Amino acid sequence: MGIAERYRQVADEVAAAARACGRAPEEVRLVAVSKTVGPDEVAAAVAAGARDFGENRPDQLMVKAPAFPEARWHFIGNIQSRRIPDIVANASLIHSLHEERHAQKIDRAAATLGKVQDVLVEVNVSGEASKSGVAPADALALVQAAGALSHVRVRGLMTMAPQGDPAAAEATFKGLADLAREVRAQLPADAAADITELSMGMSEDWRCAVACGATIVRIGRAIFSESFEE
């Protein structure tokens, strides 16, 4: 099975999982994480209908985004301060904001480009030392600080679950969904209305994430790796 077939299969499965939860398929966006592949593989996924791609390195984002302007490009990696102008110039959505100083630099870079940069606040719901993100207790403050900037728009929250532990993954995803509700309840109506996205779930655990309310799933190996097995 090639990339096009795997992409269509995953897309169909994501849509079916949404329907099984009583949700419309268009409520869950499939981001094809292309960080391990080159332009030819991206082209195969585009031909199969993919329109959202995720990259975790600015250098790759800078190469692929201009090559495929018909796609929406997501930055899902750790933010390096010095690379923020490159990220903002190419990303439609930044998933990994977890420092106020980075929000301020994103604001300045976006102002220079005359755009409003959509971002997600990354939250370390599981508390794992190996994971980036703000603590859940600090998420509201960062949402408020970033939302006060003229060229930044906070669209929601993102998290990563522990691998290999389905119960912990479910607790993480439910925790992010609960946190999003709490954050919205404490924001002004206009800011709360922008908080619509929950980016959670990857190749091993996206089904659980969809059941817990994910609006964006980030899937790479199930699409681009011939050897992936759940």
C-alpha atoms as a PDB file:
ATOM      1  CA  MET A   1       0.000   0.000   0.000  1.00  0.00           C
ATOM      2  CA  GLY A   2       1.414   3.369  -1.024  1.00  0.00           C
ATOM      3  CA  ILE A   3       1.191   6.784   0.599  1.00  0.00           C
ATOM      4  CA  ALA A   4      -1.937   7.802  -1.296  1.00  0.00           C
ATOM      5  CA  GLU A   5      -3.770   4.647  -0.267  1.00  0.00           C
ATOM      6  CA  ARG A   6      -2.637   4.922   3.346  1.00  0.00           C
ATOM      7  CA  TYR A   7      -3.681   8.574   3.512  1.00  0.00           C
ATOM      8  CA  ARG A   8      -7.146   7.820   2.138  1.00  0.00           C
ATOM      9  CA  GLN A   9      -7.520   4.890   4.538  1.00  0.00           C
ATOM     10  CA  VAL A  10      -6.540   6.995   7.556  1.00  0.00           C
ATOM     11  CA  ALA A  11      -8.800   9.854   6.434  1.00  0.00           C
ATOM     12  CA  ASP A  12     -11.727   7.446   6.092  1.00  0.00           C
ATOM     13  CA  GLU A  13     -11.006   5.984   9.527  1.00  0.00           C
ATOM     14  CA  VAL A  14     -10.841   9.441  11.141  1.00  0.00           C
ATOM     15  CA  ALA A  15     -14.187  10.354   9.566  1.00  0.00           C
ATOM     16  CA  ALA A  16     -15.720   7.075  10.752  1.00  0.00           C
ATOM     17  CA  ALA A  17     -14.395   7.615  14.279  1.00  0.00           C
ATOM     18  CA  ALA A  18     -15.958  11.074  14.366  1.00  0.00           C
ATOM     19  CA  ARG A  19     -19.318   9.731  13.216  1.00  0.00           C
ATOM     20  CA  ALA A  20     -19.141   6.969  15.819  1.00  0.00           C
ATOM     21  CA  CYS A  21     -18.943   9.687  18.491  1.00  0.00           C
ATOM     22  CA  GLY A  22     -21.920  11.535  17.063  1.00  0.00           C
ATOM     23  CA  ARG A  23     -19.719  14.193  15.494  1.00  0.00           C
ATOM     24  CA  ALA A  24     -19.559  15.423  11.914  1.00  0.00           C
ATOM     25  CA  PRO A  25     -16.441  14.206  10.077  1.00  0.00           C
ATOM     26  CA  GLU A  26     -15.439  17.775   9.238  1.00  0.00           C
ATOM     27  CA  GLU A  27     -15.118  18.495  12.973  1.00  0.00           C
ATOM     28  CA  VAL A  28     -11.829  16.542  13.041  1.00  0.00           C
ATOM     29  CA  ARG A  29      -8.955  17.792  10.906  1.00  0.00           C
ATOM     30  CA  LEU A  30      -6.301  15.297   9.833  1.00  0.00           C
ATOM     31  CA  VAL A  31      -2.805  16.802   9.825  1.00  0.00           C
ATOM     32  CA  ALA A  32      -0.375  14.598   7.912  1.00  0.00           C
ATOM     33  CA  VAL A  33       2.916  14.866   9.794  1.00  0.00           C
ATOM     34  CA  SER A  34       5.466  14.990   7.000  1.00  0.00           C
ATOM     35  CA  LYS A  35       8.558  15.655   9.114  1.00  0.00           C
ATOM     36  CA  THR A  36      10.303  12.423   8.068  1.00  0.00           C
ATOM     37  CA  VAL A  37       9.643  12.611   4.326  1.00  0.00           C
ATOM     38  CA  GLY A  38      10.523  14.727   1.315  1.00  0.00           C
ATOM     39  CA  PRO A  39       8.559  16.667  -1.297  1.00  0.00           C
ATOM     40  CA  ASP A  40       7.755  13.594  -3.397  1.00  0.00           C
ATOM     41  CA  GLU A  41       5.947  11.953  -0.494  1.00  0.00           C
ATOM     42  CA  VAL A  42       4.117  15.189   0.298  1.00  0.00           C
ATOM     43  CA  ALA A  43       3.042  15.391  -3.343  1.00  0.00           C
ATOM     44  CA  ALA A  44       1.618  11.855  -3.147  1.00  0.00           C
ATOM     45  CA  ALA A  45      -0.413  12.803  -0.080  1.00  0.00           C
ATOM     46  CA  VAL A  46      -1.621  16.020  -1.736  1.00  0.00           C
ATOM     47  CA  ALA A  47      -2.743  14.016  -4.742  1.00  0.00           C
ATOM     48  CA  ALA A  48      -4.731  11.784  -2.376  1.00  0.00           C
ATOM     49  CA  GLY A  49      -6.527  14.776  -0.893  1.00  0.00           C
ATOM     50  CA  ALA A  50      -4.323  15.860   2.014  1.00  0.00           C
ATOM     51  CA  ARG A  51      -4.510  19.595   2.694  1.00  0.00           C
ATOM     52  CA  ASP A  52      -2.943  19.923   6.153  1.00  0.00           C
ATOM     53  CA  PHE A  53       0.676  19.018   6.908  1.00  0.00           C
ATOM     54  CA  GLY A  54       2.763  19.227  10.062  1.00  0.00           C
ATOM     55  CA  GLU A  55       6.478  19.941  10.393  1.00  0.00           C
ATOM     56  CA  ASN A  56       8.651  20.168  13.499  1.00  0.00           C
ATOM     57  CA  ARG A  57      11.751  21.786  11.979  1.00  0.00           C
ATOM     58  CA  PRO A  58      11.779  25.322  10.583  1.00  0.00           C
ATOM     59  CA  ASP A  59      14.200  24.394   7.789  1.00  0.00           C
ATOM     60  CA  GLN A  60      11.816  21.753   6.420  1.00  0.00           C
ATOM     61  CA  LEU A  61       8.822  24.044   6.853  1.00  0.00           C
ATOM     62  CA  MET A  62      10.614  26.723   4.812  1.00  0.00           C
ATOM     63  CA  VAL A  63      11.231  24.269   1.962  1.00  0.00           C
ATOM     64  CA  LYS A  64       7.882  22.491   1.822  1.00  0.00           C
ATOM     65  CA  ALA A  65       5.389  25.259   2.529  1.00  0.00           C
ATOM     66  CA  PRO A  66       6.329  27.376  -0.516  1.00  0.00           C
ATOM     67  CA  ALA A  67       6.465  24.251  -2.673  1.00  0.00           C
ATOM     68  CA  PHE A  68       2.872  23.331  -1.777  1.00  0.00           C
ATOM     69  CA  PRO A  69       0.979  26.616  -1.343  1.00  0.00           C
ATOM     70  CA  GLU A  70      -2.349  24.836  -1.766  1.00  0.00           C
ATOM     71  CA  ALA A  71      -1.786  23.129   1.614  1.00  0.00           C
ATOM     72  CA  ARG A  72      -2.051  24.492   5.152  1.00  0.00           C
ATOM     73  CA  TRP A  73       1.203  24.103   7.052  1.00  0.00           C
ATOM     74  CA  HIS A  74       1.311  23.502  10.787  1.00  0.00           C
ATOM     75  CA  PHE A  75       4.370  23.949  12.988  1.00  0.00           C
ATOM     76  CA  ILE A  76       4.288  21.236  15.650  1.00  0.00           C
ATOM     77  CA  GLY A  77       7.862  21.276  16.969  1.00  0.00           C
ATOM     78  CA  ASN A  78       9.676  22.973  19.796  1.00  0.00           C
ATOM     79  CA  ILE A  79       9.909  26.711  19.184  1.00  0.00           C
ATOM     80  CA  GLN A  80      13.407  28.170  18.967  1.00  0.00           C
ATOM     81  CA  SER A  81      13.351  31.900  19.564  1.00  0.00           C
ATOM     82  CA  ARG A  82      15.695  32.766  16.710  1.00  0.00           C
ATOM     83  CA  ARG A  83      13.602  30.794  14.205  1.00  0.00           C
ATOM     84  CA  ILE A  84      10.280  32.424  15.025  1.00  0.00           C
ATOM     85  CA  PRO A  85      10.325  34.730  11.950  1.00  0.00           C
ATOM     86  CA  ASP A  86      10.824  31.697   9.686  1.00  0.00           C
ATOM     87  CA  ILE A  87       8.007  29.797  11.404  1.00  0.00           C
ATOM     88  CA  VAL A  88       5.563  32.705  11.267  1.00  0.00           C
ATOM     89  CA  ALA A  89       6.325  33.312   7.599  1.00  0.00           C
ATOM     90  CA  ASN A  90       5.274  29.765   6.696  1.00  0.00           C
ATOM     91  CA  ALA A  91       2.869  28.348   9.284  1.00  0.00           C
ATOM     92  CA  SER A  92      -0.888  28.727   9.273  1.00  0.00           C
ATOM     93  CA  LEU A  93      -1.063  27.352  12.811  1.00  0.00           C
ATOM     94  CA  ILE A  94       1.632  26.999  15.487  1.00  0.00           C
ATOM     95  CA  HIS A  95       0.752  24.151  17.865  1.00  0.00           C
ATOM     96  CA  SER A  96       3.522  24.479  20.429  1.00  0.00           C
ATOM     97  CA  LEU A  97       3.411  27.847  22.181  1.00  0.00           C
ATOM     98  CA  HIS A  98       4.321  27.456  25.838  1.00  0.00           C
ATOM     99  CA  GLU A  99       6.305  30.583  26.712  1.00  0.00           C
ATOM    100  CA  GLU A 100       5.070  34.151  26.905  1.00  0.00           C
ATOM    101  CA  ARG A 101       8.348  35.500  25.521  1.00  0.00           C
ATOM    102  CA  HIS A 102       7.782  33.424  22.396  1.00  0.00           C
ATOM    103  CA  ALA A 103       4.258  34.809  22.072  1.00  0.00           C
ATOM    104  CA  GLN A 104       5.700  38.318  22.106  1.00  0.00           C
ATOM    105  CA  LYS A 105       8.226  37.442  19.397  1.00  0.00           C
ATOM    106  CA  ILE A 106       5.535  35.768  17.320  1.00  0.00           C
ATOM    107  CA  ASP A 107       3.491  38.950  17.643  1.00  0.00           C
ATOM    108  CA  ARG A 108       6.364  41.092  16.374  1.00  0.00           C
ATOM    109  CA  ALA A 109       7.139  38.727  13.486  1.00  0.00           C
ATOM    110  CA  ALA A 110       3.478  38.572  12.473  1.00  0.00           C
ATOM    111  CA  ALA A 111       3.180  42.364  12.649  1.00  0.00           C
ATOM    112  CA  THR A 112       6.119  42.675  10.253  1.00  0.00           C
ATOM    113  CA  LEU A 113       4.313  40.382   7.808  1.00  0.00           C
ATOM    114  CA  GLY A 114       0.946  42.045   8.283  1.00  0.00           C
ATOM    115  CA  LYS A 115      -0.751  38.885   9.516  1.00  0.00           C
ATOM    116  CA  VAL A 116      -2.419  37.556  12.645  1.00  0.00           C
ATOM    117  CA  GLN A 117      -0.733  34.310  13.652  1.00  0.00           C
ATOM    118  CA  ASP A 118      -2.985  31.539  14.908  1.00  0.00           C
ATOM    119  CA  VAL A 119      -1.465  29.544  17.768  1.00  0.00           C
ATOM    120  CA  LEU A 120      -2.284  26.755  20.176  1.00  0.00           C
ATOM    121  CA  VAL A 121      -1.007  26.712  23.754  1.00  0.00           C
ATOM    122  CA  GLU A 122       0.850  23.487  24.470  1.00  0.00           C
ATOM    123  CA  VAL A 123      -0.071  21.963  27.822  1.00  0.00           C
ATOM    124  CA  ASN A 124       1.813  19.205  29.627  1.00  0.00           C
ATOM    125  CA  VAL A 125      -1.288  17.489  30.947  1.00  0.00           C
ATOM    126  CA  SER A 126       0.486  14.236  31.835  1.00  0.00           C
ATOM    127  CA  GLY A 127       3.202  15.965  33.826  1.00  0.00           C
ATOM    128  CA  GLU A 128       5.970  13.932  32.177  1.00  0.00           C
ATOM    129  CA  ALA A 129       9.378  15.564  32.527  1.00  0.00           C
ATOM    130  CA  SER A 130      10.177  14.670  28.916  1.00  0.00           C
ATOM    131  CA  LYS A 131       7.200  16.633  27.580  1.00  0.00           C
ATOM    132  CA  SER A 132       7.142  20.348  26.795  1.00  0.00           C
ATOM    133  CA  GLY A 133       4.235  22.579  27.654  1.00  0.00           C
ATOM    134  CA  VAL A 134       2.864  24.691  30.441  1.00  0.00           C
ATOM    135  CA  ALA A 135       1.338  23.106  33.510  1.00  0.00           C
ATOM    136  CA  PRO A 136      -2.452  22.991  33.344  1.00  0.00           C
ATOM    137  CA  ALA A 137      -2.640  25.530  36.162  1.00  0.00           C
ATOM    138  CA  ASP A 138      -0.664  28.010  34.047  1.00  0.00           C
ATOM    139  CA  ALA A 139      -2.547  27.571  30.785  1.00  0.00           C
ATOM    140  CA  LEU A 140      -5.128  30.293  31.354  1.00  0.00           C
ATOM    141  CA  ALA A 141      -2.487  32.917  32.106  1.00  0.00           C
ATOM    142  CA  LEU A 142      -0.629  32.160  28.883  1.00  0.00           C
ATOM    143  CA  VAL A 143      -3.842  32.139  26.852  1.00  0.00           C
ATOM    144  CA  GLN A 144      -4.688  35.556  28.289  1.00  0.00           C
ATOM    145  CA  ALA A 145      -1.201  36.982  27.745  1.00  0.00           C
ATOM    146  CA  ALA A 146      -0.988  35.745  24.148  1.00  0.00           C
ATOM    147  CA  GLY A 147      -4.553  36.749  23.407  1.00  0.00           C
ATOM    148  CA  ALA A 148      -3.817  40.319  24.458  1.00  0.00           C
ATOM    149  CA  LEU A 149      -1.308  40.688  21.616  1.00  0.00           C
ATOM    150  CA  SER A 150      -2.498  42.376  18.439  1.00  0.00           C
ATOM    151  CA  HIS A 151      -1.021  39.888  15.971  1.00  0.00           C
ATOM    152  CA  VAL A 152      -1.572  36.604  17.834  1.00  0.00           C
ATOM    153  CA  ARG A 153      -4.852  34.690  18.014  1.00  0.00           C
ATOM    154  CA  VAL A 154      -5.123  31.750  20.409  1.00  0.00           C
ATOM    155  CA  ARG A 155      -7.250  29.063  18.782  1.00  0.00           C
ATOM    156  CA  GLY A 156      -7.042  26.315  21.383  1.00  0.00           C
ATOM    157  CA  LEU A 157      -4.815  23.875  23.217  1.00  0.00           C
ATOM    158  CA  MET A 158      -2.432  21.062  22.292  1.00  0.00           C
ATOM    159  CA  THR A 159      -0.985  18.131  24.215  1.00  0.00           C
ATOM    160  CA  MET A 160       0.938  14.901  23.789  1.00  0.00           C
ATOM    161  CA  ALA A 161       0.001  11.732  25.668  1.00  0.00           C
ATOM    162  CA  PRO A 162       2.305   9.153  27.239  1.00  0.00           C
ATOM    163  CA  GLN A 163       3.133   6.429  24.735  1.00  0.00           C
ATOM    164  CA  GLY A 164       2.240   2.804  25.279  1.00  0.00           C
ATOM    165  CA  ASP A 165      -0.293   3.437  28.047  1.00  0.00           C
ATOM    166  CA  PRO A 166      -3.870   3.665  26.749  1.00  0.00           C
ATOM    167  CA  ALA A 167      -5.334   4.554  30.149  1.00  0.00           C
ATOM    168  CA  ALA A 168      -2.844   7.381  30.627  1.00  0.00           C
ATOM    169  CA  ALA A 169      -3.518   8.621  27.089  1.00  0.00           C
ATOM    170  CA  GLU A 170      -7.250   8.724  27.737  1.00  0.00           C
ATOM    171  CA  ALA A 171      -6.738  10.593  31.001  1.00  0.00           C
ATOM    172  CA  THR A 172      -4.480  13.084  29.214  1.00  0.00           C
ATOM    173  CA  PHE A 173      -6.952  13.734  26.417  1.00  0.00           C
ATOM    174  CA  LYS A 174      -9.906  14.085  28.779  1.00  0.00           C
ATOM    175  CA  GLY A 175      -7.796  16.390  30.910  1.00  0.00           C
ATOM    176  CA  LEU A 176      -7.090  18.689  27.970  1.00  0.00           C
ATOM    177  CA  ALA A 177     -10.764  18.783  26.967  1.00  0.00           C
ATOM    178  CA  ASP A 178     -11.775  19.638  30.542  1.00  0.00           C
ATOM    179  CA  LEU A 179      -9.078  22.307  30.712  1.00  0.00           C
ATOM    180  CA  ALA A 180     -10.289  23.903  27.480  1.00  0.00           C
ATOM    181  CA  ARG A 181     -13.782  24.198  28.940  1.00  0.00           C
ATOM    182  CA  GLU A 182     -12.375  25.777  32.093  1.00  0.00           C
ATOM    183  CA  VAL A 183     -10.284  28.245  30.097  1.00  0.00           C
ATOM    184  CA  ARG A 184     -13.211  29.273  27.908  1.00  0.00           C
ATOM    185  CA  ALA A 185     -15.390  29.836  30.957  1.00  0.00           C
ATOM    186  CA  GLN A 186     -12.906  32.375  32.315  1.00  0.00           C
ATOM    187  CA  LEU A 187     -12.415  34.393  29.125  1.00  0.00           C
ATOM    188  CA  PRO A 188     -14.475  37.212  27.614  1.00  0.00           C
ATOM    189  CA  ALA A 189     -17.015  35.941  25.110  1.00  0.00           C
ATOM    190  CA  ASP A 190     -15.079  37.017  22.018  1.00  0.00           C
ATOM    191  CA  ALA A 191     -11.833  35.387  23.170  1.00  0.00           C
ATOM    192  CA  ALA A 192     -13.662  32.256  24.318  1.00  0.00           C
ATOM    193  CA  ALA A 193     -15.271  31.938  20.887  1.00  0.00           C
ATOM    194  CA  ASP A 194     -11.812  31.629  19.298  1.00  0.00           C
ATOM    195  CA  ILE A 195     -10.864  28.653  21.504  1.00  0.00           C
ATOM    196  CA  THR A 196     -12.227  25.879  19.314  1.00  0.00           C
ATOM    197  CA  GLU A 197      -9.248  23.599  18.646  1.00  0.00           C
ATOM    198  CA  LEU A 198      -7.950  20.601  20.593  1.00  0.00           C
ATOM    199  CA  SER A 199      -4.823  19.229  18.926  1.00  0.00           C
ATOM    200  CA  MET A 200      -4.240  15.781  20.397  1.00  0.00           C
ATOM    201  CA  GLY A 201      -3.725  12.252  19.187  1.00  0.00           C
ATOM    202  CA  MET A 202      -1.052  10.690  16.975  1.00  0.00           C
ATOM    203  CA  SER A 203      -0.664   7.471  15.010  1.00  0.00           C
ATOM    204  CA  GLU A 204      -0.976   5.165  18.047  1.00  0.00           C
ATOM    205  CA  ASP A 205      -3.721   6.912  19.989  1.00  0.00           C
ATOM    206  CA  TRP A 206      -5.751   9.195  17.712  1.00  0.00           C
ATOM    207  CA  ARG A 207      -8.937   7.138  18.032  1.00  0.00           C
ATOM    208  CA  CYS A 208      -9.016   7.738  21.766  1.00  0.00           C
ATOM    209  CA  ALA A 209      -8.289  11.428  21.165  1.00  0.00           C
ATOM    210  CA  VAL A 210     -11.229  11.754  18.770  1.00  0.00           C
ATOM    211  CA  ALA A 211     -13.508  10.106  21.329  1.00  0.00           C
ATOM    212  CA  CYS A 212     -12.302  12.658  23.889  1.00  0.00           C
ATOM    213  CA  GLY A 213     -13.006  15.637  21.648  1.00  0.00           C
ATOM    214  CA  ALA A 214      -9.942  16.193  19.445  1.00  0.00           C
ATOM    215  CA  THR A 215     -10.505  18.604  16.575  1.00  0.00           C
ATOM    216  CA  ILE A 216      -7.012  18.049  15.130  1.00  0.00           C
ATOM    217  CA  VAL A 217      -5.134  14.747  15.006  1.00  0.00           C
ATOM    218  CA  ARG A 218      -1.460  14.674  14.017  1.00  0.00           C
ATOM    219  CA  ILE A 219      -0.708  11.473  12.111  1.00  0.00           C
ATOM    220  CA  GLY A 220       2.623  10.722  10.474  1.00  0.00           C
ATOM    221  CA  ARG A 221       3.787   7.125  10.553  1.00  0.00           C
ATOM    222  CA  ALA A 222       0.371   5.612   9.766  1.00  0.00           C
ATOM    223  CA  ILE A 223       0.463   7.603   6.528  1.00  0.00           C
ATOM    224  CA  PHE A 224       4.106   7.788   5.535  1.00  0.00           C
ATOM    225  CA  SER A 225       5.674   4.612   6.978  1.00  0.00           C
ATOM    226  CA  GLU A 226       5.235   1.283   5.235  1.00  0.00           C
ATOM    227  CA  SER A 227       6.212  -0.554   8.422  1.00  0.00           C
ATOM    228  CA  PHE A 228       3.774   1.109  10.832  1.00  0.00           C
ATOM    229  CA  GLU A 229       1.529  -1.262  12.761  1.00  0.00           C
ATOM    230  CA  GLU A 230      -0.830  -0.264  15.541  1.00  0.00           C
END
